[in-house]
Protein backbone atom coordinates (compact mmCIF):
# COMPACT_ATOMS: atom_id res chain seq x y z
CA MET A 1 103.56 108.77 86.18
CA SER A 2 101.64 106.30 84.04
CA GLU A 3 98.99 103.85 85.21
CA ASN A 4 99.44 100.30 84.01
CA VAL A 5 96.64 97.87 83.45
CA ILE A 6 96.65 94.89 85.75
CA THR A 7 94.14 92.07 86.19
CA ARG A 8 93.20 89.89 89.10
CA LYS A 9 91.38 86.57 89.33
CA MET A 10 89.09 86.62 92.36
CA ASN A 11 88.95 82.86 92.91
CA SER A 12 90.82 80.24 94.88
CA GLU A 13 93.95 81.05 92.91
CA ARG A 14 93.84 84.87 92.97
CA GLN A 15 96.59 86.32 90.82
CA TRP A 16 97.73 89.62 89.47
CA GLY A 17 98.47 89.88 85.75
CA ASN A 18 102.09 89.45 84.76
CA GLU A 19 102.46 92.54 82.63
CA GLY A 20 101.91 95.40 85.07
CA LYS A 21 104.21 97.45 87.24
CA LEU A 22 101.02 98.51 89.04
CA SER A 23 99.90 102.09 89.31
CA TYR A 24 102.42 103.61 91.68
CA PHE A 25 101.97 106.97 93.42
CA PRO A 26 104.50 107.18 96.28
CA THR A 27 103.64 109.63 99.05
CA ALA A 28 106.08 112.39 100.04
CA ARG A 29 107.78 112.23 103.43
CA SER A 30 106.23 115.52 104.51
CA VAL A 31 102.76 114.00 104.02
CA VAL A 32 103.67 110.83 105.92
CA ASP A 33 104.87 112.91 108.86
CA MET A 34 101.67 114.98 108.83
CA GLU A 35 99.59 111.79 108.84
CA MET A 36 101.50 110.42 111.83
CA LYS A 37 101.00 113.71 113.69
CA LEU A 38 97.25 113.15 113.44
CA ILE A 39 97.66 110.41 116.05
CA ASP A 40 98.36 111.20 119.70
CA PHE A 41 100.94 108.54 120.64
CA SER A 42 101.75 110.00 124.06
CA GLU A 43 100.54 106.96 126.04
CA LEU A 44 102.89 104.70 124.09
CA GLU A 45 106.07 106.74 124.46
CA ASN A 46 108.77 105.00 126.55
CA SER A 47 106.38 102.10 127.15
CA ASP A 48 107.16 98.39 127.33
CA ILE A 49 105.13 97.41 124.27
CA SER A 50 106.15 96.99 120.64
CA LEU A 51 103.85 97.87 117.76
CA ASN A 52 103.41 95.96 114.53
CA ILE A 53 103.23 98.40 111.61
CA ALA A 54 102.57 97.35 108.04
CA ASP A 55 102.40 98.42 104.42
CA LEU A 56 101.10 95.55 102.30
CA SER A 57 101.42 97.41 98.98
CA GLY A 58 104.59 99.14 100.05
CA GLY A 59 106.37 100.31 96.88
CA GLU A 60 110.06 100.61 97.74
CA GLY A 61 109.29 100.83 101.45
CA ASP A 62 110.14 104.49 102.00
CA GLN A 63 106.79 105.44 103.54
CA LEU A 64 106.78 102.47 105.94
CA ASN A 65 110.33 103.32 106.99
CA TRP A 66 109.41 106.95 107.63
CA MET A 67 106.59 105.74 109.89
CA TYR A 68 109.09 103.47 111.66
CA GLN A 69 111.51 106.38 112.13
CA TYR A 70 108.74 108.64 113.41
CA LEU A 71 107.89 106.10 116.12
CA GLN A 72 111.55 105.60 117.01
CA LYS A 73 112.01 109.35 117.48
CA ASN A 74 109.11 109.25 119.92
CA ASN A 75 110.65 106.32 121.82
CA ILE A 76 108.07 103.81 120.61
CA LYS A 77 109.27 100.33 119.68
CA ALA A 78 107.96 98.80 116.46
CA GLU A 79 108.33 95.89 114.04
CA ALA A 80 107.80 96.73 110.35
CA TYR A 81 106.02 94.32 107.95
CA TYR A 82 106.40 95.00 104.24
CA ASN A 83 104.86 93.46 101.14
CA GLU A 84 105.33 94.56 97.54
CA LEU A 85 104.34 92.52 94.50
CA ALA A 86 106.70 94.19 92.00
CA LYS A 87 109.94 92.26 92.40
CA GLU A 88 112.34 95.09 91.55
CA ARG A 89 110.73 97.50 94.00
CA PHE A 90 110.61 94.81 96.68
CA GLN A 91 114.31 94.01 96.25
CA ASN A 92 115.18 97.70 96.43
CA GLY A 93 113.10 98.09 99.59
CA MET A 94 114.67 95.13 101.35
CA CYS A 95 118.18 96.31 100.42
CA LYS A 96 117.51 99.78 101.81
CA TYR A 97 115.67 98.64 104.92
CA PRO A 98 117.03 95.32 106.22
CA HIS A 99 115.05 95.76 109.44
CA PHE A 100 111.85 95.04 107.47
CA ASN A 101 110.02 91.74 107.72
CA GLY A 102 109.40 91.38 104.01
CA VAL A 103 107.52 89.23 101.51
CA SER A 104 106.77 89.77 97.83
CA THR A 105 103.39 88.38 96.84
CA ASP A 106 99.83 89.21 95.87
CA ILE A 107 98.24 90.97 98.84
CA PHE A 108 95.15 88.81 98.39
CA GLU A 109 97.21 85.66 98.97
CA LEU A 110 98.95 86.81 102.13
CA ARG A 111 98.69 84.67 105.25
CA ILE A 112 99.18 86.92 108.29
CA ALA A 113 98.37 85.89 111.85
CA ASN A 114 99.40 85.00 115.34
CA LYS A 115 98.96 81.24 115.49
CA SER A 116 98.95 79.39 118.80
CA ASN A 117 98.18 75.68 118.51
CA ARG A 118 94.95 75.63 116.48
CA ASN A 119 93.92 79.20 117.35
CA VAL A 120 94.53 81.78 114.64
CA ASN A 121 94.27 85.53 115.37
CA LYS A 122 94.42 87.73 112.27
CA LYS A 123 94.18 91.01 114.20
CA VAL A 124 97.91 91.64 114.49
CA PHE A 125 98.73 95.13 113.15
CA SER A 126 98.79 98.23 115.34
CA ILE A 127 99.11 100.63 112.40
CA ILE A 128 98.40 99.82 108.75
CA ARG A 129 99.45 102.06 105.92
CA ASN A 130 97.29 101.50 102.82
CA ASN A 131 97.98 103.30 99.54
CA PRO A 132 96.57 100.86 96.97
CA PRO A 133 96.88 101.04 93.18
CA TYR A 134 94.18 103.30 91.74
CA ILE A 135 92.88 100.88 89.13
CA TRP A 136 90.07 98.55 88.14
CA LEU A 137 90.32 94.85 88.96
CA ASN A 138 88.55 91.90 87.39
CA LYS A 139 86.31 90.08 89.87
CA GLY A 140 84.66 87.19 88.14
CA ASP A 141 82.47 88.69 85.42
CA ARG A 142 82.59 92.28 86.69
CA ASN A 143 85.08 95.05 87.42
CA VAL A 144 85.71 96.44 90.91
CA ARG A 145 87.90 99.19 92.26
CA ALA A 146 91.23 98.20 93.81
CA GLU A 147 90.76 100.82 96.53
CA MET A 148 87.73 98.93 97.90
CA GLU A 149 89.34 95.48 97.64
CA PHE A 150 92.60 96.59 99.27
CA PHE A 151 90.77 98.34 102.12
CA ILE A 152 88.66 95.28 102.93
CA THR A 153 91.70 92.98 102.83
CA ASN A 154 93.82 95.27 105.01
CA SER A 155 91.00 95.79 107.50
CA LEU A 156 91.09 92.10 108.46
CA PHE A 157 94.42 92.69 110.20
CA ASP A 158 93.77 95.79 112.37
CA ILE A 159 93.71 95.36 116.14
CA ASN A 160 90.76 96.93 117.95
CA GLY A 161 91.76 100.52 118.61
CA GLY A 162 94.41 100.30 115.89
CA ILE A 163 95.11 102.92 113.24
CA HIS A 164 94.45 102.54 109.51
CA ILE A 165 95.95 105.19 107.18
CA PHE A 166 94.09 104.91 103.86
CA GLU A 167 95.11 107.05 100.86
CA LEU A 168 93.01 107.31 97.70
CA PRO A 169 91.63 109.82 95.15
CA ILE A 170 88.92 111.95 96.74
CA HIS A 171 86.26 111.23 94.12
CA GLN A 172 86.45 107.48 94.77
CA LEU A 173 84.97 107.94 98.24
CA LEU A 174 81.67 108.91 96.61
CA GLU A 175 81.92 106.94 93.37
CA ILE A 176 82.75 103.55 94.91
CA ASN A 177 79.41 102.20 96.05
CA ASN A 178 79.15 101.71 99.84
CA LEU A 179 82.84 102.47 100.50
CA ILE A 180 82.11 105.15 103.12
CA SER A 181 79.56 102.88 104.81
CA ILE A 182 82.00 99.98 104.92
CA ILE A 183 84.73 102.14 106.47
CA ASN A 184 82.43 103.83 108.97
CA TYR A 185 80.88 100.53 110.09
CA ARG A 186 84.12 99.30 111.67
CA TYR A 187 86.07 102.56 112.11
CA GLU A 188 85.83 106.07 113.37
CA MET A 189 87.07 108.07 110.38
CA ARG A 190 88.33 111.53 109.44
CA ILE A 191 89.19 112.73 105.93
CA PHE A 192 91.91 115.24 104.98
CA LYS A 193 93.17 116.45 101.63
CA PHE A 194 96.86 116.22 100.88
CA PRO A 195 98.55 119.65 101.09
CA LYS A 196 97.41 121.76 98.14
CA GLU A 197 100.52 121.30 95.98
CA GLU A 198 100.36 117.54 96.46
CA PHE A 199 96.58 117.41 96.15
CA GLU A 200 96.66 119.02 92.72
CA LYS A 201 98.72 116.09 91.34
CA PHE A 202 96.36 113.15 91.91
CA LYS A 203 93.50 114.60 94.03
CA GLN A 204 94.52 112.37 96.94
CA VAL A 205 93.08 112.38 100.42
CA VAL A 206 93.97 110.42 103.51
CA VAL A 207 91.25 108.72 105.51
CA ILE A 208 92.56 108.35 109.06
CA CYS A 209 90.69 105.51 110.74
CA GLN A 210 90.63 104.01 114.22
CA LYS A 211 89.20 100.50 114.58
CA ARG A 212 86.07 100.39 116.71
CA HIS A 213 85.74 97.83 119.48
CA MET A 214 82.18 97.24 118.33
CA ALA A 215 80.81 97.80 114.83
CA VAL A 216 78.05 100.38 114.51
CA GLN A 217 75.53 101.57 111.92
CA ASP A 218 75.73 105.38 111.96
CA LYS A 219 73.67 106.67 109.05
CA ASN A 220 73.82 110.29 110.24
CA ARG A 221 77.62 110.23 110.27
CA ILE A 222 77.70 108.68 106.79
CA GLU A 223 75.38 111.38 105.41
CA GLN A 224 77.51 114.10 107.04
CA ILE A 225 80.69 112.71 105.43
CA LYS A 226 79.02 112.58 102.02
CA ALA A 227 77.78 116.16 102.40
CA ASP A 228 81.27 117.36 103.37
CA LEU A 229 82.71 115.72 100.28
CA GLU A 230 80.04 117.08 97.96
CA ASN A 231 80.42 120.61 99.39
CA ASP A 232 84.24 120.49 99.35
CA ASN A 233 84.30 120.86 103.11
CA ILE A 234 87.42 118.74 103.57
CA PRO A 235 90.43 120.43 105.25
CA TYR A 236 94.00 120.15 104.00
CA LEU A 237 96.44 118.12 106.05
CA ASP A 238 98.81 121.01 106.62
CA GLU A 239 95.93 123.03 108.12
CA VAL A 240 95.34 120.49 110.89
CA ALA A 241 98.68 118.70 111.25
CA ASP A 242 99.22 119.92 114.82
CA THR A 243 95.80 118.77 116.02
CA PRO A 244 95.54 114.99 116.56
CA ALA A 245 92.41 113.34 115.20
CA PHE A 246 92.71 110.18 117.30
CA LYS A 247 94.55 108.89 120.35
CA ALA A 248 96.47 105.62 120.54
CA TYR A 249 95.56 104.05 123.88
CA TYR A 250 98.06 101.96 125.78
CA ASN A 251 95.40 99.43 126.84
CA ASP A 252 94.51 98.78 123.19
CA PHE A 253 98.02 98.65 121.78
CA LYS A 254 99.41 96.44 124.52
CA LYS A 255 97.19 93.71 123.06
CA THR A 256 99.14 93.73 119.80
CA PRO A 257 100.08 90.05 119.37
CA SER A 258 103.35 88.77 117.98
CA ILE A 259 103.26 87.67 114.34
CA ASN A 260 104.42 84.16 113.52
CA LEU A 261 102.68 83.81 110.16
CA PHE A 262 103.65 86.29 107.42
CA ARG A 263 103.89 84.60 104.05
CA ASN A 264 102.07 83.63 100.89
CA GLY A 265 99.02 81.62 101.93
CA ARG A 266 99.24 79.03 99.21
CA VAL A 267 100.65 75.66 100.23
CA THR A 268 103.92 75.11 98.40
CA ASP A 269 106.80 72.70 98.82
CA GLN A 270 108.66 75.46 100.62
CA THR A 271 105.93 76.30 103.11
CA LEU A 272 104.83 72.70 103.68
CA PHE A 273 108.24 71.22 104.30
CA SER A 274 110.34 74.08 105.64
CA GLY A 275 109.96 72.96 109.24
CA LEU A 276 110.68 69.32 108.39
CA ASN A 277 113.68 70.32 106.30
CA GLN A 278 115.13 72.16 109.27
CA VAL A 279 114.69 69.14 111.56
CA ILE A 280 116.30 66.77 109.08
CA ASP A 281 119.24 69.06 108.39
CA GLU A 282 119.92 69.65 112.07
CA LEU A 283 119.71 65.97 112.96
CA ILE A 284 121.98 64.89 110.17
CA ASP A 285 124.52 67.59 111.04
CA ALA A 286 124.36 66.65 114.72
CA ASP A 287 125.06 63.01 113.92
CA LYS A 288 127.93 64.15 111.63
CA LYS A 289 126.82 61.90 108.79
CA SER A 290 126.69 62.58 105.10
CA ASN A 291 123.44 63.43 103.33
CA GLN A 292 123.91 60.61 100.87
CA VAL A 293 121.28 57.87 100.97
CA ILE A 294 123.09 54.53 101.47
CA SER A 295 120.14 52.17 101.29
CA CYS A 296 116.39 52.44 101.28
CA GLU A 297 113.27 50.98 99.75
CA ARG A 298 113.43 53.18 96.64
CA GLY A 299 115.30 52.95 93.40
CA LYS A 300 118.60 54.76 93.10
CA PRO A 301 117.98 58.41 92.17
CA ILE A 302 119.44 59.73 88.94
CA ILE A 303 120.71 62.84 90.76
CA GLU A 304 122.06 63.28 94.28
CA LEU A 305 119.32 63.98 96.80
CA MET A 306 119.72 67.07 98.96
CA PRO A 307 118.12 67.38 102.42
CA GLY A 308 115.19 69.30 100.96
CA HIS A 309 114.40 66.52 98.50
CA ILE A 310 114.81 63.88 101.18
CA SER A 311 112.45 65.57 103.62
CA GLN A 312 109.71 65.76 101.00
CA ILE A 313 110.02 62.06 100.28
CA LEU A 314 110.04 61.34 104.01
CA ALA A 315 106.86 63.33 104.52
CA SER A 316 105.11 61.36 101.78
CA GLY A 317 106.08 58.06 103.39
CA GLY A 318 108.62 57.20 100.73
CA TYR A 319 111.57 56.27 102.93
CA ASN A 320 112.08 53.40 105.30
CA GLY A 321 115.72 52.52 105.64
CA LEU A 322 119.17 53.92 106.31
CA MET A 323 120.17 57.49 105.65
CA GLY A 324 123.78 58.12 106.61
CA GLY A 325 124.06 56.66 110.10
CA LEU A 326 120.35 56.97 110.84
CA LEU A 327 117.53 54.43 110.68
CA VAL A 328 114.52 56.19 109.23
CA LYS A 329 110.87 55.23 109.61
CA GLY A 330 108.40 57.64 108.05
CA GLY A 331 104.96 58.02 106.56
CA SER A 332 101.76 60.01 106.92
CA ASN A 333 98.39 59.66 108.65
CA LYS A 334 95.09 61.25 107.74
CA VAL A 335 93.64 63.22 110.68
CA ILE A 336 90.84 65.70 111.32
CA GLU A 337 91.98 69.08 112.66
CA THR A 338 89.76 71.63 114.35
CA ARG A 339 90.79 75.21 113.65
CA LYS A 340 89.53 78.40 115.26
CA GLU A 341 89.88 81.81 113.64
CA VAL A 342 88.70 85.17 114.91
CA GLU A 343 86.70 87.10 112.33
CA GLU A 344 84.62 90.19 113.06
CA ASP A 345 84.89 89.50 116.81
CA LYS A 346 83.43 86.01 116.39
CA ASP A 347 85.10 82.60 116.72
CA VAL A 348 84.79 80.62 113.49
CA ILE A 349 85.49 76.91 113.97
CA THR A 350 86.15 74.62 111.02
CA GLU A 351 87.15 70.99 110.67
CA VAL A 352 89.59 70.05 107.93
CA GLU A 353 91.09 66.75 106.83
CA VAL A 354 94.89 66.92 106.64
CA LEU A 355 97.78 64.55 106.10
CA LYS A 356 100.20 64.54 109.02
CA PRO A 357 103.72 63.20 108.40
CA TYR A 358 105.19 60.98 111.08
CA LEU A 359 108.86 60.31 111.51
CA GLU A 360 111.23 58.40 113.75
CA LEU A 361 115.03 58.64 113.52
CA THR A 362 117.31 56.25 115.39
CA ASN A 363 121.12 56.22 115.41
CA LYS A 364 123.25 53.10 115.29
CA ARG A 365 123.47 53.01 119.09
CA GLY A 366 119.71 52.68 119.31
CA ASP A 367 119.13 56.20 120.57
CA ILE A 368 115.91 57.73 119.27
CA LEU A 369 116.97 61.17 118.07
CA TYR A 370 113.57 62.32 116.89
CA ARG A 371 110.03 60.96 117.07
CA ASN A 372 106.90 62.66 115.84
CA PHE A 373 103.76 60.51 115.50
C-alpha cells in the first residue's frame, strides 16, 4: 500500500494538500478486538451511561464500528463519532454505518465540545481510536511527524480516566523527539506490538493509554519505556490479549458529557446561519405563506431568494419590510462575549467581540411570532 505525500499549513487556515489520499493502513478486526480486550469494561456493563467513542482519522469506519460492536456485545451503550478527510472513504463509511455521527474535514479544523451557554468543555470522548497517517507534515518552515500532531490534537478530547488507543510504527516512539514524554505526562501508558504476522508488515505497535486525573512528570517511567523499546522488550498483543492493561471506572465514564458541537471549526455561511435558517423556515411554514419577498427596502433580486438566502440578508440587517404575510425587522448589534473553555484542567476565559443578529417577526394580526434582541 503506497504512501502519498500530503502537506499541511499550520496557521489560522490549516489545510491538507489537495493531491493526497493520505497514507492509509487499516487495522485488522482481530487486532481491534485484542486492543479492546486490554480494557476491563466490567463496571460499565449493563450500566445507565452511554460512552462517546471516536475515530477522527477513521478511514472507511470499519475499526470504529468494530469497537462499537464490541461494546454492544458487552451491553455497553455508545455513540460513535467519525471523521475522515478523504471524501470517497468518508462516503463509503457513512453508507455502511448510518449510526455514525460523521463529518469529513481536516482533523486540525474540527470543533468538538459540549457547549452550555458560554461554557465549552472539550473533554467529551470516553474512548479515542487514533491511527494517524505515517507521514511528514509541513509546520511553518519545518517538517513534523503526523503521529505527534495527531496525538496532541486527539488528546484534547479525552475525558479524565478515558482510553486512548494510539497506533504507530514502533521506531517513531524513539525517533520523534519528546513523544514518549508527552504521552506519559498526561497518560498511564502500555505498549504492545501487533501480532507477529501483522507486525512484520508495517512494524506497528499500539500504545494503550488512560488519561490521568492529574498530569505527572515521571522520568523513571520514561527511561524504562525507552529501555524496553531499545532492548526489544515489547510483548505482542496476542500474548497478552486476555490480561487487561487498564480498567474503565464507572465514576470516570459517567462524567462523559453529551456532544453538541461536532463540525468544522471555521465559520461558514452554513455554520453561522443554520440555526437562523431553521427558525425562518419554520415560521414561514407555520404562517403558511410563500417564501417570495413581496416588498422590502432592497432592490428586486435577479433570482428568486430561497429561505437560506433570506436569512443571511436578515442577519446582516438587510431586510425591513414584508416577507409573505410577515412584517420583518432585523439587524445586528456588536456585543462583547465572555467565553470559558477547559484546557489542561484550567478554566481559560476570553472576551471576544461578535455581531449578534436581532430579529422580530409579526403577522398581519399583530401577533409577535418571534423576537430575539
